[in-house]
Amino acid sequence: MSLYLIPADLIDEFADARAAGRHDRMNEIRDRAYAIDPELIDELDGFDYPAAA
């Protein structure tokens, strides 16, 4: 697991894009997260699943 925290704005943007069905925007946000730390992709992909809570 990454030692970095995902900035709140990145999570908010990703959640908004997912809710809107904007897969293109989700991919852009994932690209930004990957540039910060490749392991952040797993955190973005799992942040809103019940098991992650």
PDB file of N, CA and C in Angstrom:
ATOM      1  N   MET A   1       0.844  -1.178   0.000  1.00  0.00           N
ATOM      2  CA  MET A   1       0.000   0.000   0.000  1.00  0.00           C
ATOM      3  C   MET A   1       0.884   1.233   0.000  1.00  0.00           C
ATOM      4  N   SER A   2       0.432   2.262  -0.660  1.00  0.00           N
ATOM      5  CA  SER A   2       1.176   3.497  -0.768  1.00  0.00           C
ATOM      6  C   SER A   2       1.234   4.250   0.553  1.00  0.00           C
ATOM      7  N   LEU A   3       2.341   4.905   0.789  1.00  0.00           N
ATOM      8  CA  LEU A   3       2.465   5.745   1.975  1.00  0.00           C
ATOM      9  C   LEU A   3       1.928   7.146   1.724  1.00  0.00           C
ATOM     10  N   TYR A   4       1.629   7.452   0.475  1.00  0.00           N
ATOM     11  CA  TYR A   4       1.111   8.762   0.125  1.00  0.00           C
ATOM     12  C   TYR A   4      -0.400   8.799   0.302  1.00  0.00           C
ATOM     13  N   LEU A   5      -0.902   9.959   0.660  1.00  0.00           N
ATOM     14  CA  LEU A   5      -2.346  10.148   0.724  1.00  0.00           C
ATOM     15  C   LEU A   5      -2.810  10.746  -0.594  1.00  0.00           C
ATOM     16  N   ILE A   6      -3.958  10.317  -1.046  1.00  0.00           N
ATOM     17  CA  ILE A   6      -4.531  10.909  -2.244  1.00  0.00           C
ATOM     18  C   ILE A   6      -5.139  12.239  -1.832  1.00  0.00           C
ATOM     19  N   PRO A   7      -4.803  13.320  -2.525  1.00  0.00           N
ATOM     20  CA  PRO A   7      -5.418  14.598  -2.187  1.00  0.00           C
ATOM     21  C   PRO A   7      -6.935  14.506  -2.281  1.00  0.00           C
ATOM     22  N   ALA A   8      -7.603  15.166  -1.362  1.00  0.00           N
ATOM     23  CA  ALA A   8      -9.066  15.112  -1.302  1.00  0.00           C
ATOM     24  C   ALA A   8      -9.699  15.562  -2.607  1.00  0.00           C
ATOM     25  N   ASP A   9      -9.132  16.560  -3.246  1.00  0.00           N
ATOM     26  CA  ASP A   9      -9.717  17.026  -4.496  1.00  0.00           C
ATOM     27  C   ASP A   9      -9.642  15.971  -5.584  1.00  0.00           C
ATOM     28  N   LEU A  10      -8.594  15.154  -5.564  1.00  0.00           N
ATOM     29  CA  LEU A  10      -8.466  14.075  -6.545  1.00  0.00           C
ATOM     30  C   LEU A  10      -9.558  13.030  -6.329  1.00  0.00           C
ATOM     31  N   ILE A  11      -9.816  12.691  -5.085  1.00  0.00           N
ATOM     32  CA  ILE A  11     -10.879  11.740  -4.763  1.00  0.00           C
ATOM     33  C   ILE A  11     -12.240  12.308  -5.152  1.00  0.00           C
ATOM     34  N   ASP A  12     -12.467  13.571  -4.812  1.00  0.00           N
ATOM     35  CA  ASP A  12     -13.745  14.204  -5.146  1.00  0.00           C
ATOM     36  C   ASP A  12     -13.975  14.238  -6.653  1.00  0.00           C
ATOM     37  N   GLU A  13     -12.940  14.617  -7.393  1.00  0.00           N
ATOM     38  CA  GLU A  13     -13.059  14.658  -8.848  1.00  0.00           C
ATOM     39  C   GLU A  13     -13.343  13.269  -9.413  1.00  0.00           C
ATOM     40  N   PHE A  14     -12.664  12.269  -8.884  1.00  0.00           N
ATOM     41  CA  PHE A  14     -12.851  10.902  -9.357  1.00  0.00           C
ATOM     42  C   PHE A  14     -14.270  10.417  -9.057  1.00  0.00           C
ATOM     43  N   ALA A  15     -14.758  10.713  -7.847  1.00  0.00           N
ATOM     44  CA  ALA A  15     -16.119  10.308  -7.471  1.00  0.00           C
ATOM     45  C   ALA A  15     -17.154  10.996  -8.355  1.00  0.00           C
ATOM     46  N   ASP A  16     -16.963  12.272  -8.630  1.00  0.00           N
ATOM     47  CA  ASP A  16     -17.886  12.998  -9.498  1.00  0.00           C
ATOM     48  C   ASP A  16     -17.885  12.419 -10.910  1.00  0.00           C
ATOM     49  N   ALA A  17     -16.697  12.133 -11.412  1.00  0.00           N
ATOM     50  CA  ALA A  17     -16.590  11.568 -12.757  1.00  0.00           C
ATOM     51  C   ALA A  17     -17.246  10.193 -12.825  1.00  0.00           C
ATOM     52  N   ARG A  18     -17.042   9.381 -11.785  1.00  0.00           N
ATOM     53  CA  ARG A  18     -17.653   8.051 -11.754  1.00  0.00           C
ATOM     54  C   ARG A  18     -19.167   8.156 -11.704  1.00  0.00           C
ATOM     55  N   ALA A  19     -19.685   9.051 -10.871  1.00  0.00           N
ATOM     56  CA  ALA A  19     -21.134   9.227 -10.738  1.00  0.00           C
ATOM     57  C   ALA A  19     -21.756   9.714 -12.047  1.00  0.00           C
ATOM     58  N   ALA A  20     -21.006  10.511 -12.781  1.00  0.00           N
ATOM     59  CA  ALA A  20     -21.505  11.046 -14.050  1.00  0.00           C
ATOM     60  C   ALA A  20     -21.270  10.087 -15.217  1.00  0.00           C
ATOM     61  N   GLY A  21     -20.586   8.983 -14.950  1.00  0.00           N
ATOM     62  CA  GLY A  21     -20.292   8.037 -16.026  1.00  0.00           C
ATOM     63  C   GLY A  21     -19.252   8.561 -16.998  1.00  0.00           C
ATOM     64  N   ARG A  22     -18.425   9.488 -16.540  1.00  0.00           N
ATOM     65  CA  ARG A  22     -17.394  10.116 -17.377  1.00  0.00           C
ATOM     66  C   ARG A  22     -16.106   9.305 -17.320  1.00  0.00           C
ATOM     67  N   HIS A  23     -16.063   8.240 -18.075  1.00  0.00           N
ATOM     68  CA  HIS A  23     -14.895   7.363 -18.061  1.00  0.00           C
ATOM     69  C   HIS A  23     -13.659   8.075 -18.605  1.00  0.00           C
ATOM     70  N   ASP A  24     -13.848   8.994 -19.529  1.00  0.00           N
ATOM     71  CA  ASP A  24     -12.715   9.757 -20.036  1.00  0.00           C
ATOM     72  C   ASP A  24     -12.080  10.591 -18.929  1.00  0.00           C
ATOM     73  N   ARG A  25     -12.907  11.220 -18.116  1.00  0.00           N
ATOM     74  CA  ARG A  25     -12.404  12.032 -16.994  1.00  0.00           C
ATOM     75  C   ARG A  25     -11.774  11.143 -15.920  1.00  0.00           C
ATOM     76  N   MET A  26     -12.377   9.998 -15.670  1.00  0.00           N
ATOM     77  CA  MET A  26     -11.803   9.055 -14.708  1.00  0.00           C
ATOM     78  C   MET A  26     -10.397   8.647 -15.146  1.00  0.00           C
ATOM     79  N   ASN A  27     -10.215   8.402 -16.426  1.00  0.00           N
ATOM     80  CA  ASN A  27      -8.895   8.015 -16.936  1.00  0.00           C
ATOM     81  C   ASN A  27      -7.883   9.139 -16.781  1.00  0.00           C
ATOM     82  N   GLU A  28      -8.317  10.388 -17.002  1.00  0.00           N
ATOM     83  CA  GLU A  28      -7.418  11.528 -16.808  1.00  0.00           C
ATOM     84  C   GLU A  28      -6.964  11.616 -15.354  1.00  0.00           C
ATOM     85  N   ILE A  29      -7.896  11.433 -14.434  1.00  0.00           N
ATOM     86  CA  ILE A  29      -7.585  11.503 -13.010  1.00  0.00           C
ATOM     87  C   ILE A  29      -6.679  10.345 -12.614  1.00  0.00           C
ATOM     88  N   ARG A  30      -6.939   9.179 -13.156  1.00  0.00           N
ATOM     89  CA  ARG A  30      -6.081   8.016 -12.875  1.00  0.00           C
ATOM     90  C   ARG A  30      -4.669   8.269 -13.395  1.00  0.00           C
ATOM     91  N   ASP A  31      -4.546   8.921 -14.550  1.00  0.00           N
ATOM     92  CA  ASP A  31      -3.223   9.252 -15.088  1.00  0.00           C
ATOM     93  C   ASP A  31      -2.469  10.177 -14.142  1.00  0.00           C
ATOM     94  N   ARG A  32      -3.177  11.166 -13.586  1.00  0.00           N
ATOM     95  CA  ARG A  32      -2.551  12.070 -12.610  1.00  0.00           C
ATOM     96  C   ARG A  32      -2.098  11.305 -11.376  1.00  0.00           C
ATOM     97  N   ALA A  33      -2.962  10.425 -10.894  1.00  0.00           N
ATOM     98  CA  ALA A  33      -2.621   9.631  -9.708  1.00  0.00           C
ATOM     99  C   ALA A  33      -1.411   8.754  -9.996  1.00  0.00           C
ATOM    100  N   TYR A  34      -1.361   8.156 -11.171  1.00  0.00           N
ATOM    101  CA  TYR A  34      -0.233   7.302 -11.536  1.00  0.00           C
ATOM    102  C   TYR A  34       1.075   8.093 -11.559  1.00  0.00           C
ATOM    103  N   ALA A  35       0.995   9.339 -12.011  1.00  0.00           N
ATOM    104  CA  ALA A  35       2.184  10.187 -12.059  1.00  0.00           C
ATOM    105  C   ALA A  35       2.710  10.479 -10.653  1.00  0.00           C
ATOM    106  N   ILE A  36       1.807  10.542  -9.676  1.00  0.00           N
ATOM    107  CA  ILE A  36       2.196  10.784  -8.292  1.00  0.00           C
ATOM    108  C   ILE A  36       2.795   9.509  -7.700  1.00  0.00           C
ATOM    109  N   ASP A  37       2.084   8.401  -7.866  1.00  0.00           N
ATOM    110  CA  ASP A  37       2.518   7.106  -7.322  1.00  0.00           C
ATOM    111  C   ASP A  37       1.659   6.027  -7.964  1.00  0.00           C
ATOM    112  N   PRO A  38       2.247   5.096  -8.694  1.00  0.00           N
ATOM    113  CA  PRO A  38       1.470   4.057  -9.373  1.00  0.00           C
ATOM    114  C   PRO A  38       0.515   3.287  -8.462  1.00  0.00           C
ATOM    115  N   GLU A  39       0.852   3.159  -7.189  1.00  0.00           N
ATOM    116  CA  GLU A  39      -0.020   2.424  -6.270  1.00  0.00           C
ATOM    117  C   GLU A  39      -1.312   3.176  -5.944  1.00  0.00           C
ATOM    118  N   LEU A  40      -1.364   4.457  -6.261  1.00  0.00           N
ATOM    119  CA  LEU A  40      -2.579   5.229  -5.994  1.00  0.00           C
ATOM    120  C   LEU A  40      -3.751   4.766  -6.858  1.00  0.00           C
ATOM    121  N   ILE A  41      -3.445   4.140  -7.973  1.00  0.00           N
ATOM    122  CA  ILE A  41      -4.513   3.631  -8.841  1.00  0.00           C
ATOM    123  C   ILE A  41      -5.385   2.646  -8.078  1.00  0.00           C
ATOM    124  N   ASP A  42      -4.774   1.743  -7.332  1.00  0.00           N
ATOM    125  CA  ASP A  42      -5.539   0.776  -6.545  1.00  0.00           C
ATOM    126  C   ASP A  42      -6.403   1.481  -5.508  1.00  0.00           C
ATOM    127  N   GLU A  43      -5.873   2.523  -4.915  1.00  0.00           N
ATOM    128  CA  GLU A  43      -6.646   3.257  -3.918  1.00  0.00           C
ATOM    129  C   GLU A  43      -7.841   3.974  -4.548  1.00  0.00           C
ATOM    130  N   LEU A  44      -7.634   4.571  -5.713  1.00  0.00           N
ATOM    131  CA  LEU A  44      -8.753   5.221  -6.403  1.00  0.00           C
ATOM    132  C   LEU A  44      -9.810   4.204  -6.804  1.00  0.00           C
ATOM    133  N   ASP A  45      -9.365   3.087  -7.332  1.00  0.00           N
ATOM    134  CA  ASP A  45     -10.318   2.071  -7.791  1.00  0.00           C
ATOM    135  C   ASP A  45     -11.129   1.470  -6.661  1.00  0.00           C
ATOM    136  N   GLY A  46     -10.598   1.468  -5.456  1.00  0.00           N
ATOM    137  CA  GLY A  46     -11.292   0.822  -4.353  1.00  0.00           C
ATOM    138  C   GLY A  46     -11.862   1.757  -3.311  1.00  0.00           C
ATOM    139  N   PHE A  47     -11.727   3.067  -3.486  1.00  0.00           N
ATOM    140  CA  PHE A  47     -12.091   3.977  -2.409  1.00  0.00           C
ATOM    141  C   PHE A  47     -13.573   3.994  -2.066  1.00  0.00           C
ATOM    142  N   ASP A  48     -14.446   3.690  -3.026  1.00  0.00           N
ATOM    143  CA  ASP A  48     -15.870   3.810  -2.739  1.00  0.00           C
ATOM    144  C   ASP A  48     -16.597   2.463  -2.601  1.00  0.00           C
ATOM    145  N   TYR A  49     -15.825   1.395  -2.521  1.00  0.00           N
ATOM    146  CA  TYR A  49     -16.436   0.084  -2.341  1.00  0.00           C
ATOM    147  C   TYR A  49     -16.668  -0.173  -0.849  1.00  0.00           C
ATOM    148  N   PRO A  50     -17.757  -0.814  -0.505  1.00  0.00           N
ATOM    149  CA  PRO A  50     -18.080  -1.050   0.926  1.00  0.00           C
ATOM    150  C   PRO A  50     -16.948  -1.737   1.688  1.00  0.00           C
ATOM    151  N   ALA A  51     -16.240  -2.637   1.062  1.00  0.00           N
ATOM    152  CA  ALA A  51     -15.176  -3.342   1.756  1.00  0.00           C
ATOM    153  C   ALA A  51     -14.029  -2.421   2.137  1.00  0.00           C
ATOM    154  N   ALA A  52     -13.904  -1.312   1.442  1.00  0.00           N
ATOM    155  CA  ALA A  52     -12.830  -0.372   1.729  1.00  0.00           C
ATOM    156  C   ALA A  52     -13.166   0.554   2.891  1.00  0.00           C
ATOM    157  N   ALA A  53     -14.408   0.553   3.292  1.00  0.00           N
ATOM    158  CA  ALA A  53     -14.823   1.484   4.359  1.00  0.00           C
ATOM    159  C   ALA A  53     -14.387   1.032   5.731  1.00  0.00           C
TER     160      ALA A  53
END
